[in-house]
Protein backbone atom coordinates (compact mmCIF):
# COMPACT_ATOMS: atom_id res chain seq x y z
CA MET A 1 -10.13 -35.06 21.52
CA GLU A 2 -13.13 -34.06 19.49
CA VAL A 3 -15.35 -31.29 21.28
CA ILE A 4 -18.52 -29.07 20.68
CA LEU A 5 -17.70 -25.63 21.42
CA LEU A 6 -20.37 -23.87 23.86
CA GLU A 7 -18.71 -20.21 23.18
CA SER A 8 -16.68 -18.69 20.41
CA PHE A 9 -12.51 -18.58 20.79
CA ASN A 10 -10.28 -16.96 18.99
CA LYS A 11 -8.08 -19.22 16.67
CA LEU A 12 -10.24 -22.36 17.67
CA GLY A 13 -14.00 -21.63 16.29
CA ASP A 14 -17.64 -20.52 17.08
CA ILE A 15 -20.45 -21.65 19.05
CA GLY A 16 -21.22 -25.16 17.63
CA ASP A 17 -17.86 -25.80 15.98
CA THR A 18 -16.73 -29.43 16.39
CA VAL A 19 -13.19 -28.88 16.69
CA THR A 20 -10.11 -31.12 17.81
CA VAL A 21 -8.02 -30.07 20.75
CA LYS A 22 -5.55 -31.76 23.11
CA ASP A 23 -6.74 -34.21 25.68
CA GLY A 24 -5.72 -31.81 28.59
CA PHE A 25 -7.15 -28.87 27.27
CA ALA A 26 -10.23 -30.25 27.03
CA ARG A 27 -10.51 -32.23 30.32
CA ASN A 28 -8.79 -29.48 32.67
CA PHE A 29 -10.30 -26.21 30.76
CA LEU A 30 -13.01 -26.55 28.25
CA ILE A 31 -15.04 -29.34 29.78
CA PRO A 32 -15.38 -28.35 33.47
CA GLN A 33 -15.66 -24.62 32.74
CA LYS A 34 -18.70 -25.87 30.58
CA LYS A 35 -17.33 -24.08 27.32
CA ALA A 36 -17.44 -27.16 25.54
CA LEU A 37 -18.96 -30.52 25.35
CA ARG A 38 -17.51 -33.98 23.75
CA ALA A 39 -18.55 -34.69 20.56
CA ASN A 40 -20.37 -37.76 20.73
CA ASN A 41 -24.15 -38.54 19.37
CA GLU A 42 -25.72 -37.73 22.86
CA ASN A 43 -24.06 -34.75 23.16
CA LYS A 44 -24.79 -33.79 19.62
CA GLU A 45 -28.65 -34.36 20.25
CA TYR A 46 -28.05 -32.16 23.28
CA PHE A 47 -26.85 -29.13 21.53
CA SER A 48 -29.18 -29.03 19.19
CA LYS A 49 -32.01 -28.37 21.71
CA ILE A 50 -29.91 -25.81 23.56
CA LYS A 51 -28.48 -24.21 20.46
CA LYS A 52 -31.41 -21.36 20.27
CA ASP A 53 -30.67 -20.06 23.28
CA LEU A 54 -27.18 -20.61 23.71
CA ILE A 55 -26.51 -18.19 20.14
CA GLU A 56 -29.48 -15.41 22.26
CA LYS A 57 -27.65 -15.52 25.37
CA ASN A 58 -24.35 -14.83 23.15
CA ASN A 59 -25.66 -11.77 21.39
CA LYS A 60 -27.02 -10.25 24.54
CA PHE A 61 -23.16 -10.68 25.98
CA ILE A 62 -21.91 -9.08 22.73
CA GLN A 63 -24.15 -5.74 23.23
CA GLU A 64 -23.08 -5.92 27.20
CA ALA A 65 -19.09 -6.08 26.38
CA LYS A 66 -19.47 -3.29 23.60
CA LEU A 67 -21.26 -1.09 25.92
CA LEU A 68 -18.69 -1.83 28.93
CA ILE A 69 -15.68 -1.18 26.05
CA LYS A 70 -17.02 2.39 25.43
CA LYS A 71 -16.76 3.32 29.43
CA ILE A 72 -13.39 2.07 29.10
CA THR A 73 -12.09 3.80 25.30
CA ASP A 74 -9.63 6.31 25.70
CA LYS A 75 -9.89 6.43 29.72
CA GLU A 76 -6.64 7.36 30.86
CA ILE A 77 -5.04 4.79 33.77
CA VAL A 78 -1.98 5.41 36.14
CA PHE A 79 -0.19 3.73 38.20
CA ILE A 80 1.67 5.21 41.32
CA ARG A 81 4.34 2.59 42.28
CA ASN A 82 7.76 2.90 44.30
CA ALA A 83 10.35 2.36 42.11
CA SER A 84 14.67 2.46 42.11
CA ASP A 85 16.63 5.19 40.56
CA ASN A 86 16.65 3.58 37.48
CA GLY A 87 13.31 3.25 37.34
CA GLN A 88 13.01 -0.69 37.89
CA LEU A 89 9.78 -1.28 39.93
CA TYR A 90 9.63 -3.03 43.38
CA GLY A 91 7.23 -5.73 42.03
CA SER A 92 5.14 -5.35 38.74
CA VAL A 93 1.81 -4.52 37.47
CA SER A 94 -0.74 -7.47 36.57
CA PRO A 95 -3.63 -8.37 34.65
CA LYS A 96 -4.93 -8.84 38.41
CA ASP A 97 -3.70 -4.74 39.80
CA ILE A 98 -5.68 -3.92 36.41
CA SER A 99 -8.53 -5.35 37.28
CA ASN A 100 -8.64 -4.55 40.83
CA TYR A 101 -8.20 -0.75 39.53
CA PHE A 102 -11.18 -1.16 37.00
CA GLU A 103 -13.32 -2.61 40.20
CA SER A 104 -12.43 0.79 42.00
CA GLN A 105 -14.09 1.69 39.30
CA LYS A 106 -17.20 0.06 39.44
CA ILE A 107 -15.99 -1.79 36.16
CA SER A 108 -15.68 -5.58 36.30
CA ILE A 109 -13.00 -6.87 33.69
CA LYS A 110 -11.41 -10.40 34.73
CA PRO A 111 -7.56 -10.56 34.92
CA SER A 112 -8.28 -13.24 32.07
CA ASN A 113 -9.44 -10.41 29.68
CA ILE A 114 -6.53 -8.47 30.26
CA ASN A 115 -3.78 -8.58 27.92
CA LEU A 116 -0.09 -7.67 28.22
CA HIS A 117 2.24 -7.93 25.62
CA PHE A 118 4.81 -8.41 28.07
CA ALA A 119 5.79 -8.13 31.53
CA ILE A 120 5.14 -4.39 33.37
CA LYS A 121 8.73 -3.72 35.87
CA LYS A 122 9.63 -0.33 34.67
CA ILE A 123 7.88 2.97 34.73
CA GLY A 124 6.63 4.35 31.69
CA ILE A 125 3.94 4.20 29.46
CA TYR A 126 2.22 0.75 28.14
CA ASP A 127 -0.04 -0.46 25.87
CA ILE A 128 -1.94 -3.25 26.94
CA ASN A 129 -5.22 -5.23 25.31
CA ILE A 130 -8.98 -5.81 26.77
CA LYS A 131 -10.42 -8.83 25.19
CA LEU A 132 -13.91 -9.44 26.52
CA HIS A 133 -15.44 -11.52 23.61
CA PRO A 134 -13.59 -12.83 20.36
CA GLU A 135 -15.36 -10.24 18.81
CA VAL A 136 -15.33 -7.13 21.25
CA GLY A 137 -11.71 -5.83 22.46
CA CYS A 138 -10.05 -2.88 22.55
CA ASN A 139 -6.39 -1.46 23.66
CA LEU A 140 -5.73 0.68 26.08
CA LYS A 141 -2.62 2.84 27.58
CA ILE A 142 -1.69 2.76 31.20
CA ASN A 143 0.93 5.47 32.71
CA VAL A 144 3.04 3.74 35.69
CA ALA A 145 5.13 6.32 37.52
CA THR A 146 6.49 6.98 40.75
CA SER A 147 4.01 9.95 41.17
CA GLU A 148 1.24 12.36 39.58
CA GLU A 149 3.93 14.88 38.63
CA ASN A 150 5.95 12.01 36.71
CA ALA A 151 2.90 10.28 35.41
CA GLU A 152 1.93 13.92 33.90
CA SER A 153 5.84 14.52 32.72
CA GLN A 154 5.20 10.74 31.08
CA LYS A 155 2.25 11.83 29.40
CA LYS A 156 3.22 14.85 28.28
CA GLU A 157 7.12 13.48 26.54
CA ALA A 158 4.81 10.50 24.62
CA ASN A 159 2.45 12.97 23.60
CA ASP A 160 5.53 14.63 22.08
CA ALA A 161 7.14 12.25 20.64
CA ASN A 162 3.80 11.09 19.13
CA ASN A 163 3.31 14.70 17.55
CA LYS A 164 6.73 14.42 16.26
CA LYS A 165 6.33 10.94 14.45
CA ASP A 166 2.87 12.31 12.77
CA SER A 167 4.90 15.06 11.66
CA LYS A 168 7.58 12.95 10.56
CA ASN A 169 5.31 10.55 8.39
CA LYS A 170 3.12 13.70 7.30
CA LEU A 171 6.39 14.91 5.64
CA THR A 172 7.25 11.67 4.14
CA GLU A 173 3.99 11.53 2.79
CA LYS A 174 3.93 14.98 1.00
CA ASN A 175 7.66 14.17 -0.19
CA LYS A 176 6.57 10.73 -1.47
CA LYS A 177 3.26 12.45 -3.28
CA SER A 178 5.93 15.72 -4.57
CA ASN A 179 8.17 12.81 -6.14
CA ASP A 180 5.18 10.83 -7.45
CA GLU A 181 3.87 14.58 -9.26
CA LEU A 182 7.34 14.95 -10.53
CA SER A 183 7.61 11.68 -11.98
CA ASN A 184 3.87 11.92 -13.71
CA ASP A 185 5.29 15.41 -14.97
CA ASP A 186 8.33 13.70 -16.24
CA ILE A 187 6.42 10.92 -18.11
CA ASP A 188 3.86 13.53 -19.72
CA SER A 189 6.94 15.81 -20.70
CA LYS A 190 8.14 12.57 -22.35
CA VAL A 191 4.82 11.84 -24.11
CA ALA A 192 4.84 15.39 -25.66
CA ASP A 193 7.98 15.12 -26.85
CA ASN A 194 7.36 11.49 -28.59
CA LYS A 195 4.05 13.43 -29.85
CA ASN A 196 6.15 16.37 -31.29
CA GLN A 197 8.75 14.03 -32.87
CA THR A 198 5.81 11.51 -34.74
CA ALA A 199 4.03 15.04 -36.00
CA LYS A 200 7.49 15.97 -37.02
CA LEU A 201 8.04 12.68 -38.79
CA ASN A 202 4.76 12.65 -40.60
CA GLU A 203 4.97 16.03 -41.56
CA SER A 204 8.08 15.16 -43.32
CA LYS A 205 6.36 12.13 -45.15
CA LYS A 206 3.77 14.38 -46.45
CA PRO A 207 3.50 15.26 -49.89
CA SER A 208 4.43 18.55 -51.31
CA ASN A 209 1.46 21.31 -51.47
CA LEU A 210 2.27 22.82 -54.89
CA SER A 211 -0.43 23.20 -57.37
CA ALA A 212 -1.08 21.02 -60.67
CA ASN A 213 0.75 23.81 -62.74
CA GLU A 214 4.07 24.05 -60.62
CA VAL A 215 4.22 20.08 -60.63
CA LYS A 216 3.98 20.11 -64.60
CA LEU A 217 6.34 22.76 -65.24
CA ALA A 218 8.92 20.99 -62.78
CA ASN A 219 8.25 17.68 -64.86
CA ASP A 220 8.64 19.53 -68.36
CA LYS A 221 12.00 21.16 -66.71
CA ASN A 222 13.28 17.90 -65.90
CA LEU A 223 12.11 15.83 -69.03
CA SER A 224 13.39 18.77 -71.46
CA THR A 225 16.82 18.97 -69.49
CA PRO A 226 17.75 15.29 -71.11
CA GLU A 227 16.98 16.48 -74.49
CA LYS A 228 18.75 19.55 -74.49
CA SER A 229 22.14 17.77 -73.02
CA SER A 230 21.49 14.88 -75.88
CA SER A 231 21.29 17.66 -78.56
CA THR A 232 24.44 19.40 -77.84
CA GLN A 233 26.33 16.17 -77.54
CA LYS A 234 25.12 15.53 -80.80
CA SER A 235 26.62 18.95 -82.50
CA LYS A 236 29.83 18.37 -80.51
CA GLU A 237 29.84 14.80 -82.48
CA LYS A 238 29.39 16.32 -85.60
CA LEU A 239 31.94 19.46 -85.32
CA ALA A 240 34.67 16.32 -84.47
CA SER A 241 33.58 14.32 -87.25
CA ASN A 242 33.81 17.48 -89.80
CA ALA A 243 36.94 18.53 -88.55
CA PRO A 244 39.36 16.03 -90.49
CA GLN A 245 37.51 16.85 -93.58
CA ASN A 246 37.81 20.73 -92.76
CA SER A 247 41.35 20.01 -92.76
CA LYS A 248 41.95 18.22 -95.79
CA ASN A 249 40.06 20.88 -97.78
CA ALA A 250 42.52 23.57 -95.93
CA ALA A 251 45.55 21.78 -97.17
CA THR A 252 44.14 21.40 -100.71
CA GLU A 253 43.72 24.87 -101.07
CA GLU A 254 46.80 25.95 -99.75
CA THR A 255 48.86 23.47 -102.42
CA SER A 256 46.62 24.52 -105.51
CA LYS A 257 47.72 28.48 -104.72
C-alpha cells in the first residue's frame, strides 16, 4: 500500500514522502496512529494544506528532544536486582523498566524509544540506545547488579578494562607510527643510494678535464708511436735484405786471399 508519511521514520522516509509499505503495517500501525495517510488524490490535497504545520511541529519536537538528550547523556543508571550465584537475574530488565526509571527522575521517555541490543537477564553493564526522533538519539550504559557495592565494583572493573584497551590501542598506534617512520627512513636511504650511484655513473661519463696542451701532447705521442714502429720495422727489413750480400762479399774476399 502507498502512504504519505506524516512523521519521519528511519529507513522509511521523511515527512511528506510517498512510500510503499505492507498492508498490515499501514492498517494496524501507521494509519491508526496518525503517522501516515493513504496516498490518494484527496489525501494528497489535504496533506498539501497541513504540510507547513507538520514541518513546524516536527522542528519543535527535534529541539525538545535535543534538550532531553542533554539531560540524560552521561547519566549513570543503576538497577539493583536479585540474582542467582551465577549472576542470572530472577526476571529481566525491560524497556518498560528503564522507562519507569526515567519517569522517577521526571524524564519522560516511552518504552518504544528505548532499544536494547539484546535481552538483559544477567548482572553486568549493558549498552542501550535511546531514540527520540530519527535525527535525535544517544547511547547509554546501565549497570545491573545485586547491590550498590557490586554495582560500584562492576563499574571499576569496566573502567579498568576500558583503560587497558585504550592503552593497548595507543601502543598499537604508536608501533604502527614507528614502523611507518622506519619504512620512510628506508625509502629515503634507498633514494639517497640511488642518487649517489647515478652521480657516480654520470661522473664516470664526463670527459677528462685535461688542458688543451696536455691533450695535444697525448695525441702527438699516440701519433709518433706508430711512425717509430714503422721506421724500426723498415730498418730490420733492410738489414735482413743486406745480409746475403754481405755474406757473399765476405766469401769472395776469403777466396782471393
